[in-house]
């Protein structure tokens, strides 16, 4: 029976996890609003923002994978504390950067910190939280992305300059890092049994909780099918939001103002879906909601692919967004079912890294295809990607069933 003290401890950890995911989204929102002021003050071209994004993506990919393989040795509490402190330092560097190369270096540090927090929290939540908390955790990221522009808009409107926006968020991150330091032992006490670092030989190959070699994790087909599922899912999510405006304005006859509102509707349906489906997943079960969400993404993509009036494409985008809402959190939550608990941390790190890679490469490649053909290919491309995602998910489950998870 849980005591009031234990319940308070669990609530504190949950609130910190939510705040950490809000903080992950904040920098993304800051850059979009702040970049015109940044480029003007530092006298760099508008397209130079690509250097920051590339640097940040590299750091994110590296740290998310490394974090998954090092949680057992470092401890999730210290990983979160150190990574959040690194993100705070990077944002403070943004605030004080006198020139673009320093900002690029800070973007790399920010990516390193953010990727580790993302992988560390997802690995922890997959073992400690339920479907509702997992969905809400990822909804908090969307909340952070929405708050970021408000912070930057407010400081610019007050005449304080873009550096203040980054300074405020850096201070908030520093406070969050301190909170992680003060609760390190709490995170470890509530941490479920997982993989132990694998540089040592197996002490008890027959015991599921024993140390597991890195090679044993990488040898599981379900690990790689799962990583590909994440990559394709995030590619769909990003591509739909990135190219929807162009589709609506150039191909479906929608005005720029209305199209902008419709893109906001898409992202809003993603956020709302995570809040609502958090309740639904606990009632119907993770697997049922996950499959239903993937099928909904395929249905929405088909609506976007059908030539017709603008409202049809908008409806399809809303269905894609609402369906996509539960996929990332529930895929993460069910990772241990596919690969085993002792491989879950490392697999989640690989999945987070794959999601970043898929979200960067596939939408960009789709943009090249659109440029060489027309924006009409967006709908069919989303439908093909949705079907590929469903196929990869089924493959990861079948491979997991055919190849029992080895202990070492």
Protein backbone atom coordinates (compact mmCIF):
# COMPACT_ATOMS: atom_id res chain seq x y z
CA UNK A 1 0.00 0.00 0.00
CA UNK A 2 1.40 3.38 -1.02
CA UNK A 3 1.94 5.97 1.67
CA UNK A 4 1.20 9.69 1.26
CA UNK A 5 4.98 10.31 1.26
CA UNK A 6 5.50 7.91 -1.64
CA UNK A 7 2.60 9.39 -3.56
CA UNK A 8 4.07 12.88 -3.12
CA UNK A 9 7.43 11.61 -4.34
CA UNK A 10 5.82 10.08 -7.41
CA UNK A 11 3.94 13.30 -8.13
CA UNK A 12 7.14 15.35 -7.82
CA UNK A 13 8.93 13.12 -10.33
CA UNK A 14 5.98 13.31 -12.73
CA UNK A 15 5.80 17.11 -12.52
CA UNK A 16 9.56 17.39 -13.11
CA UNK A 17 9.27 15.11 -16.14
CA UNK A 18 6.47 17.28 -17.55
CA UNK A 19 8.50 20.45 -16.98
CA UNK A 20 11.53 18.87 -18.63
CA UNK A 21 9.53 18.12 -21.77
CA UNK A 22 8.13 21.66 -21.80
CA UNK A 23 11.74 22.87 -21.63
CA UNK A 24 12.68 20.64 -24.60
CA UNK A 25 10.18 22.47 -26.79
CA UNK A 26 11.00 26.02 -25.68
CA UNK A 27 14.21 26.58 -27.75
CA UNK A 28 12.46 25.49 -30.97
CA UNK A 29 9.82 28.15 -30.44
CA UNK A 30 12.36 30.83 -29.56
CA UNK A 31 14.40 30.50 -32.75
CA UNK A 32 11.54 30.95 -35.20
CA UNK A 33 10.51 34.32 -33.77
CA UNK A 34 13.96 35.49 -32.78
CA UNK A 35 15.91 34.64 -35.92
CA UNK A 36 15.07 37.80 -37.95
CA UNK A 37 16.44 39.92 -35.09
CA UNK A 38 19.44 37.61 -34.64
CA UNK A 39 20.38 37.64 -38.32
CA UNK A 40 20.03 41.42 -38.48
CA UNK A 41 22.18 42.04 -35.38
CA UNK A 42 24.89 39.55 -36.36
CA UNK A 43 24.69 40.59 -40.06
CA UNK A 44 24.27 37.06 -41.41
CA UNK A 45 21.93 35.91 -44.20
CA UNK A 46 18.56 34.40 -43.40
CA UNK A 47 19.59 30.97 -44.68
CA UNK A 48 22.38 30.81 -42.08
CA UNK A 49 19.80 29.43 -39.67
CA UNK A 50 20.40 26.10 -41.42
CA UNK A 51 23.87 25.97 -39.85
CA UNK A 52 22.36 26.22 -36.38
CA UNK A 53 19.77 23.55 -37.15
CA UNK A 54 22.35 21.18 -38.61
CA UNK A 55 24.70 21.62 -35.66
CA UNK A 56 21.88 21.06 -33.20
CA UNK A 57 20.66 17.97 -35.06
CA UNK A 58 24.14 16.40 -35.01
CA UNK A 59 24.41 16.93 -31.25
CA UNK A 60 20.91 15.59 -30.68
CA UNK A 61 21.49 12.42 -32.68
CA UNK A 62 24.79 11.64 -30.98
CA UNK A 63 23.63 12.26 -27.42
CA UNK A 64 20.27 10.47 -27.74
CA UNK A 65 21.99 7.26 -28.86
CA UNK A 66 24.83 7.54 -26.33
CA UNK A 67 22.37 8.28 -23.52
CA UNK A 68 20.47 5.09 -24.19
CA UNK A 69 23.67 3.09 -23.78
CA UNK A 70 24.90 4.93 -20.67
CA UNK A 71 21.84 5.32 -18.42
CA UNK A 72 22.68 2.17 -16.46
CA UNK A 73 26.17 3.44 -15.65
CA UNK A 74 25.47 7.15 -15.08
CA UNK A 75 22.00 6.87 -13.55
CA UNK A 76 18.94 8.59 -15.00
CA UNK A 77 18.87 11.28 -12.29
CA UNK A 78 22.42 12.47 -12.92
CA UNK A 79 21.94 12.15 -16.69
CA UNK A 80 18.93 14.48 -16.56
CA UNK A 81 20.66 16.92 -14.20
CA UNK A 82 23.85 17.13 -16.27
CA UNK A 83 22.07 17.31 -19.63
CA UNK A 84 19.69 20.03 -18.48
CA UNK A 85 22.61 22.02 -17.08
CA UNK A 86 24.37 21.65 -20.45
CA UNK A 87 21.26 22.93 -22.25
CA UNK A 88 21.12 25.89 -19.86
CA UNK A 89 24.77 26.69 -20.56
CA UNK A 90 24.15 26.49 -24.31
CA UNK A 91 21.16 28.85 -24.13
CA UNK A 92 23.18 31.28 -22.01
CA UNK A 93 25.82 31.08 -24.76
CA UNK A 94 23.16 32.03 -27.30
CA UNK A 95 22.23 35.03 -25.18
CA UNK A 96 25.81 36.28 -25.05
CA UNK A 97 27.15 35.16 -28.45
CA UNK A 98 28.89 38.01 -30.30
CA UNK A 99 28.99 36.16 -33.63
CA UNK A 100 27.46 33.26 -35.54
CA UNK A 101 30.27 30.65 -35.11
CA UNK A 102 29.84 30.80 -31.33
CA UNK A 103 26.10 30.30 -31.73
CA UNK A 104 26.78 27.27 -33.92
CA UNK A 105 28.94 25.79 -31.17
CA UNK A 106 26.20 26.52 -28.64
CA UNK A 107 23.67 24.83 -30.94
CA UNK A 108 25.80 21.68 -30.82
CA UNK A 109 25.84 21.82 -27.01
CA UNK A 110 22.10 22.42 -26.93
CA UNK A 111 21.55 19.40 -29.16
CA UNK A 112 23.77 17.26 -26.92
CA UNK A 113 21.81 18.30 -23.83
CA UNK A 114 18.37 18.01 -25.42
CA UNK A 115 19.00 14.61 -26.99
CA UNK A 116 20.15 13.14 -23.69
CA UNK A 117 17.16 14.56 -21.80
CA UNK A 118 14.79 13.25 -24.48
CA UNK A 119 16.27 9.74 -24.49
CA UNK A 120 16.73 9.61 -20.71
CA UNK A 121 13.21 10.71 -19.88
CA UNK A 122 11.62 8.47 -22.49
CA UNK A 123 13.57 5.48 -21.20
CA UNK A 124 12.55 6.26 -17.63
CA UNK A 125 8.92 6.96 -18.49
CA UNK A 126 8.59 3.77 -20.52
CA UNK A 127 9.16 1.77 -17.34
CA UNK A 128 7.67 4.05 -14.69
CA UNK A 129 4.63 5.73 -16.28
CA UNK A 130 1.37 4.50 -17.76
CA UNK A 131 -0.22 5.31 -21.15
CA UNK A 132 -1.96 8.45 -19.86
CA UNK A 133 1.18 9.97 -18.32
CA UNK A 134 3.24 9.03 -21.38
CA UNK A 135 0.86 10.79 -23.76
CA UNK A 136 0.70 13.85 -21.53
CA UNK A 137 4.48 13.89 -21.28
CA UNK A 138 4.75 14.30 -25.03
CA UNK A 139 1.90 16.79 -25.07
CA UNK A 140 4.10 18.94 -22.81
CA UNK A 141 6.68 19.15 -25.59
CA UNK A 142 4.06 20.72 -27.84
CA UNK A 143 3.17 23.09 -25.02
CA UNK A 144 6.82 24.14 -24.80
CA UNK A 145 6.97 24.77 -28.55
CA UNK A 146 3.87 26.97 -28.20
CA UNK A 147 5.24 28.90 -25.19
CA UNK A 148 8.61 29.64 -26.80
CA UNK A 149 7.27 32.09 -29.41
CA UNK A 150 5.23 33.83 -26.71
CA UNK A 151 8.36 34.37 -24.60
CA UNK A 152 10.36 35.77 -27.50
CA UNK A 153 7.45 37.88 -28.77
CA UNK A 154 6.96 39.36 -25.30
CA UNK A 155 10.60 40.36 -24.80
CA UNK A 156 10.85 41.80 -28.31
CA UNK A 157 7.62 43.70 -27.82
CA UNK A 158 9.00 45.13 -24.59
CA UNK A 159 12.09 46.33 -26.44
CA UNK A 160 14.45 44.07 -24.47
CA UNK A 161 16.00 42.30 -27.47
CA UNK A 162 16.23 38.66 -28.49
CA UNK A 163 19.09 37.90 -26.06
CA UNK A 164 16.70 38.35 -23.14
CA UNK A 165 14.47 35.60 -24.51
CA UNK A 166 17.31 33.10 -24.47
CA UNK A 167 18.50 34.37 -21.10
CA UNK A 168 15.10 33.82 -19.50
CA UNK A 169 14.85 30.27 -20.82
CA UNK A 170 18.47 29.58 -19.80
CA UNK A 171 17.64 30.62 -16.23
CA UNK A 172 14.57 28.37 -16.23
CA UNK A 173 16.69 25.45 -17.45
CA UNK A 174 19.25 26.11 -14.71
CA UNK A 175 16.50 25.96 -12.10
CA UNK A 176 15.26 22.68 -13.59
CA UNK A 177 18.79 21.25 -13.52
CA UNK A 178 19.03 22.13 -9.82
CA UNK A 179 15.71 20.38 -9.21
CA UNK A 180 17.08 17.26 -10.88
CA UNK A 181 20.20 17.39 -8.69
CA UNK A 182 18.09 17.65 -5.54
CA UNK A 183 15.95 14.67 -6.60
CA UNK A 184 18.66 12.36 -7.98
CA UNK A 185 18.06 9.65 -5.38
CA UNK A 186 14.32 9.81 -5.95
CA UNK A 187 14.74 9.10 -9.66
CA UNK A 188 16.99 6.12 -8.94
CA UNK A 189 14.65 4.68 -6.29
CA UNK A 190 11.72 4.79 -8.68
CA UNK A 191 13.75 3.48 -11.60
CA UNK A 192 12.60 0.03 -12.79
CA UNK A 193 15.15 -2.75 -13.28
CA UNK A 194 16.80 -2.34 -16.67
CA UNK A 195 19.89 -3.13 -18.62
CA UNK A 196 23.20 -2.91 -16.84
CA UNK A 197 26.21 -1.58 -18.67
CA UNK A 198 27.65 -4.12 -21.02
CA UNK A 199 31.40 -3.77 -20.99
CA UNK A 200 31.60 -6.42 -18.28
CA UNK A 201 31.11 -10.15 -18.97
CA UNK A 202 27.73 -11.63 -18.12
CA UNK A 203 27.63 -12.81 -14.55
CA UNK A 204 24.47 -14.87 -14.97
CA UNK A 205 23.39 -15.51 -18.55
CA UNK A 206 20.24 -17.27 -17.40
CA UNK A 207 18.96 -14.35 -15.37
CA UNK A 208 16.94 -11.74 -17.31
CA UNK A 209 18.03 -8.98 -14.93
CA UNK A 210 21.75 -9.73 -15.40
CA UNK A 211 24.12 -7.52 -17.40
CA UNK A 212 23.54 -7.48 -21.14
CA UNK A 213 26.20 -6.91 -23.76
CA UNK A 214 25.77 -4.12 -26.29
CA UNK A 215 26.15 -6.64 -29.11
CA UNK A 216 23.18 -8.62 -27.79
CA UNK A 217 21.00 -5.53 -28.08
CA UNK A 218 22.21 -4.63 -31.56
CA UNK A 219 21.67 -8.20 -32.76
CA UNK A 220 17.91 -8.05 -32.16
CA UNK A 221 15.96 -7.46 -35.41
CA UNK A 222 13.12 -5.89 -33.41
CA UNK A 223 15.52 -3.11 -32.34
CA UNK A 224 16.14 -2.02 -35.93
CA UNK A 225 12.57 -2.47 -37.14
CA UNK A 226 11.49 -0.37 -34.17
CA UNK A 227 14.03 2.35 -34.96
CA UNK A 228 12.85 2.48 -38.57
CA UNK A 229 9.24 2.72 -37.39
CA UNK A 230 10.17 5.81 -35.35
CA UNK A 231 12.08 7.35 -38.25
CA UNK A 232 9.14 6.99 -40.63
CA UNK A 233 6.59 8.17 -38.07
CA UNK A 234 8.45 11.40 -37.31
CA UNK A 235 9.01 11.94 -41.05
CA UNK A 236 5.23 11.86 -41.56
CA UNK A 237 4.58 14.21 -38.64
CA UNK A 238 7.19 16.75 -39.79
CA UNK A 239 6.47 16.52 -43.53
CA UNK A 240 2.74 17.05 -43.06
CA UNK A 241 3.31 20.18 -40.99
CA UNK A 242 6.12 21.46 -43.22
CA UNK A 243 4.48 21.15 -46.63
CA UNK A 244 0.76 21.47 -45.81
CA UNK A 245 0.76 25.26 -46.32
CA UNK A 246 2.24 24.88 -49.79
CA UNK A 247 -0.27 22.18 -50.73
CA UNK A 248 -3.26 24.22 -49.56
CA UNK A 249 -2.20 27.49 -51.20
CA UNK A 250 -0.75 26.23 -54.50
CA UNK A 251 -2.89 23.18 -55.21
CA UNK A 252 -6.17 23.49 -53.29
CA UNK A 253 -6.95 27.19 -53.74
CA UNK A 254 -6.87 28.13 -50.06
CA UNK A 255 -5.85 31.67 -49.10
CA UNK A 256 -2.59 32.18 -47.25
CA UNK A 257 -4.33 33.35 -44.07
CA UNK A 258 -6.71 30.39 -43.94
CA UNK A 259 -3.92 27.97 -44.86
CA UNK A 260 -1.83 29.27 -41.97
CA UNK A 261 -4.72 28.68 -39.59
CA UNK A 262 -5.15 25.18 -40.99
CA UNK A 263 -1.51 24.34 -40.34
CA UNK A 264 -2.03 25.55 -36.78
CA UNK A 265 -5.07 23.27 -36.64
CA UNK A 266 -2.85 20.35 -37.64
CA UNK A 267 -0.38 20.98 -34.80
CA UNK A 268 -3.24 21.70 -32.43
CA UNK A 269 -4.85 18.34 -33.25
CA UNK A 270 -1.53 16.66 -32.42
CA UNK A 271 -1.48 18.33 -29.00
CA UNK A 272 -5.18 17.72 -28.30
CA UNK A 273 -4.87 14.11 -29.41
CA UNK A 274 -2.14 13.43 -26.86
CA UNK A 275 -4.24 14.84 -24.07
CA UNK A 276 -7.40 12.94 -25.07
CA UNK A 277 -5.76 9.65 -26.02
CA UNK A 278 -3.96 9.54 -22.71
CA UNK A 279 -7.34 8.63 -21.20
CA UNK A 280 -8.36 6.36 -24.08
CA UNK A 281 -5.16 4.28 -24.01
CA UNK A 282 -5.67 3.39 -20.35
CA UNK A 283 -9.18 2.11 -21.10
CA UNK A 284 -8.62 0.30 -24.40
CA UNK A 285 -4.99 -0.76 -24.03
CA UNK A 286 -1.74 0.47 -25.56
CA UNK A 287 -1.66 -1.89 -28.54
CA UNK A 288 -5.26 -1.20 -29.59
CA UNK A 289 -4.86 2.57 -29.50
CA UNK A 290 -1.45 2.42 -31.18
CA UNK A 291 -2.73 0.39 -34.14
CA UNK A 292 -5.86 2.53 -34.39
CA UNK A 293 -3.71 5.67 -34.44
CA UNK A 294 -1.50 4.31 -37.22
CA UNK A 295 -4.54 3.34 -39.30
CA UNK A 296 -5.99 6.82 -38.70
CA UNK A 297 -2.76 8.34 -40.06
CA UNK A 298 -3.13 6.24 -43.21
CA UNK A 299 -6.78 7.28 -43.57
CA UNK A 300 -5.95 10.96 -43.11
CA UNK A 301 -3.11 10.69 -45.63
CA UNK A 302 -5.52 9.12 -48.14
CA UNK A 303 -7.87 12.09 -47.70
CA UNK A 304 -4.96 14.45 -48.38
CA UNK A 305 -3.99 12.43 -51.45
CA UNK A 306 -7.46 12.55 -53.02
CA UNK A 307 -7.76 15.52 -55.43
CA UNK A 308 -10.57 17.74 -54.24
CA UNK A 309 -11.52 20.92 -52.41
CA UNK A 310 -9.37 22.44 -49.72
CA UNK A 311 -11.64 21.33 -46.87
CA UNK A 312 -11.00 17.69 -47.78
CA UNK A 313 -7.23 18.11 -47.44
CA UNK A 314 -7.67 20.08 -44.22
CA UNK A 315 -9.85 17.31 -42.80
CA UNK A 316 -7.21 14.77 -43.78
CA UNK A 317 -4.46 16.76 -42.08
CA UNK A 318 -6.53 17.02 -38.90
CA UNK A 319 -7.05 13.23 -38.91
CA UNK A 320 -3.32 12.68 -39.48
CA UNK A 321 -2.47 15.00 -36.57
CA UNK A 322 -4.99 13.48 -34.16
CA UNK A 323 -3.98 9.96 -35.13
CA UNK A 324 -0.26 10.71 -34.90
CA UNK A 325 -0.66 12.07 -31.39
CA UNK A 326 -0.41 8.75 -29.58
CA UNK A 327 2.08 6.96 -31.84
CA UNK A 328 5.39 8.28 -30.50
CA UNK A 329 4.55 7.99 -26.77
CA UNK A 330 2.89 4.58 -27.07
CA UNK A 331 5.64 3.17 -29.31
CA UNK A 332 8.12 4.26 -26.65
CA UNK A 333 5.99 2.84 -23.85
CA UNK A 334 5.78 -0.58 -25.52
CA UNK A 335 9.48 -0.84 -26.39
CA UNK A 336 10.22 -3.37 -23.64
CA UNK A 337 7.45 -5.63 -24.97
CA UNK A 338 9.30 -5.90 -28.29
CA UNK A 339 12.90 -6.16 -27.11
CA UNK A 340 12.81 -7.03 -23.40
CA UNK A 341 13.32 -4.77 -20.39
CA UNK A 342 17.09 -5.31 -20.27
CA UNK A 343 17.45 -3.93 -23.82
CA UNK A 344 14.85 -1.17 -23.50
CA UNK A 345 17.08 1.79 -22.50
CA UNK A 346 19.49 1.29 -25.39
CA UNK A 347 16.71 0.65 -27.87
CA UNK A 348 14.87 3.81 -26.83
CA UNK A 349 18.07 5.79 -27.34
CA UNK A 350 18.40 4.36 -30.85
CA UNK A 351 14.74 5.08 -31.53
CA UNK A 352 15.07 8.71 -30.44
CA UNK A 353 18.15 9.10 -32.64
CA UNK A 354 16.39 7.46 -35.59
CA UNK A 355 13.39 9.75 -35.13
CA UNK A 356 15.63 12.81 -35.37
CA UNK A 357 17.32 11.46 -38.47
CA UNK A 358 14.04 10.55 -40.15
CA UNK A 359 12.53 13.92 -39.32
CA UNK A 360 15.51 15.69 -40.89
CA UNK A 361 16.17 13.62 -44.02
CA UNK A 362 12.82 12.37 -45.34
CA UNK A 363 10.87 15.69 -45.29
CA UNK A 364 13.86 17.35 -46.97
CA UNK A 365 13.97 14.67 -49.65
CA UNK A 366 10.22 15.08 -50.11
CA UNK A 367 10.82 18.80 -50.63
CA UNK A 368 13.28 18.00 -53.43
CA UNK A 369 10.66 15.72 -55.00
CA UNK A 370 8.02 18.44 -54.73
CA UNK A 371 10.38 20.93 -56.36
CA UNK A 372 10.99 18.60 -59.31
CA UNK A 373 7.34 17.56 -59.74
CA UNK A 374 4.56 19.34 -57.86
CA UNK A 375 3.16 19.63 -54.37
CA UNK A 376 0.43 17.15 -55.37
CA UNK A 377 2.85 14.32 -54.47
CA UNK A 378 2.55 15.19 -50.77
CA UNK A 379 -0.64 13.20 -50.17
CA UNK A 380 0.51 10.01 -51.94
CA UNK A 381 3.90 10.27 -50.22
CA UNK A 382 2.26 10.55 -46.78
CA UNK A 383 0.07 7.55 -47.57
CA UNK A 384 3.04 5.42 -48.67
CA UNK A 385 4.99 6.42 -45.58
CA UNK A 386 2.01 5.59 -43.35
CA UNK A 387 1.70 2.13 -44.89
CA UNK A 388 5.45 1.62 -44.52
CA UNK A 389 5.22 2.62 -40.84
CA UNK A 390 2.43 0.09 -40.22
CA UNK A 391 4.41 -2.62 -42.00
CA UNK A 392 7.54 -1.88 -39.97
CA UNK A 393 5.58 -1.96 -36.73
CA UNK A 394 4.10 -5.37 -37.54
CA UNK A 395 7.56 -6.59 -38.57
CA UNK A 396 9.07 -5.46 -35.26
CA UNK A 397 6.41 -7.40 -33.35
CA UNK A 398 6.76 -10.54 -35.46
CA UNK A 399 10.55 -10.52 -35.20
CA UNK A 400 10.28 -10.07 -31.45
CA UNK A 401 7.98 -13.10 -31.23
CA UNK A 402 10.17 -15.31 -33.42
CA UNK A 403 13.44 -14.33 -31.72
CA UNK A 404 13.09 -14.49 -27.92
CA UNK A 405 15.17 -11.88 -26.14
CA UNK A 406 18.50 -13.36 -25.01
CA UNK A 407 19.73 -12.58 -21.53
CA UNK A 408 23.26 -11.88 -22.64
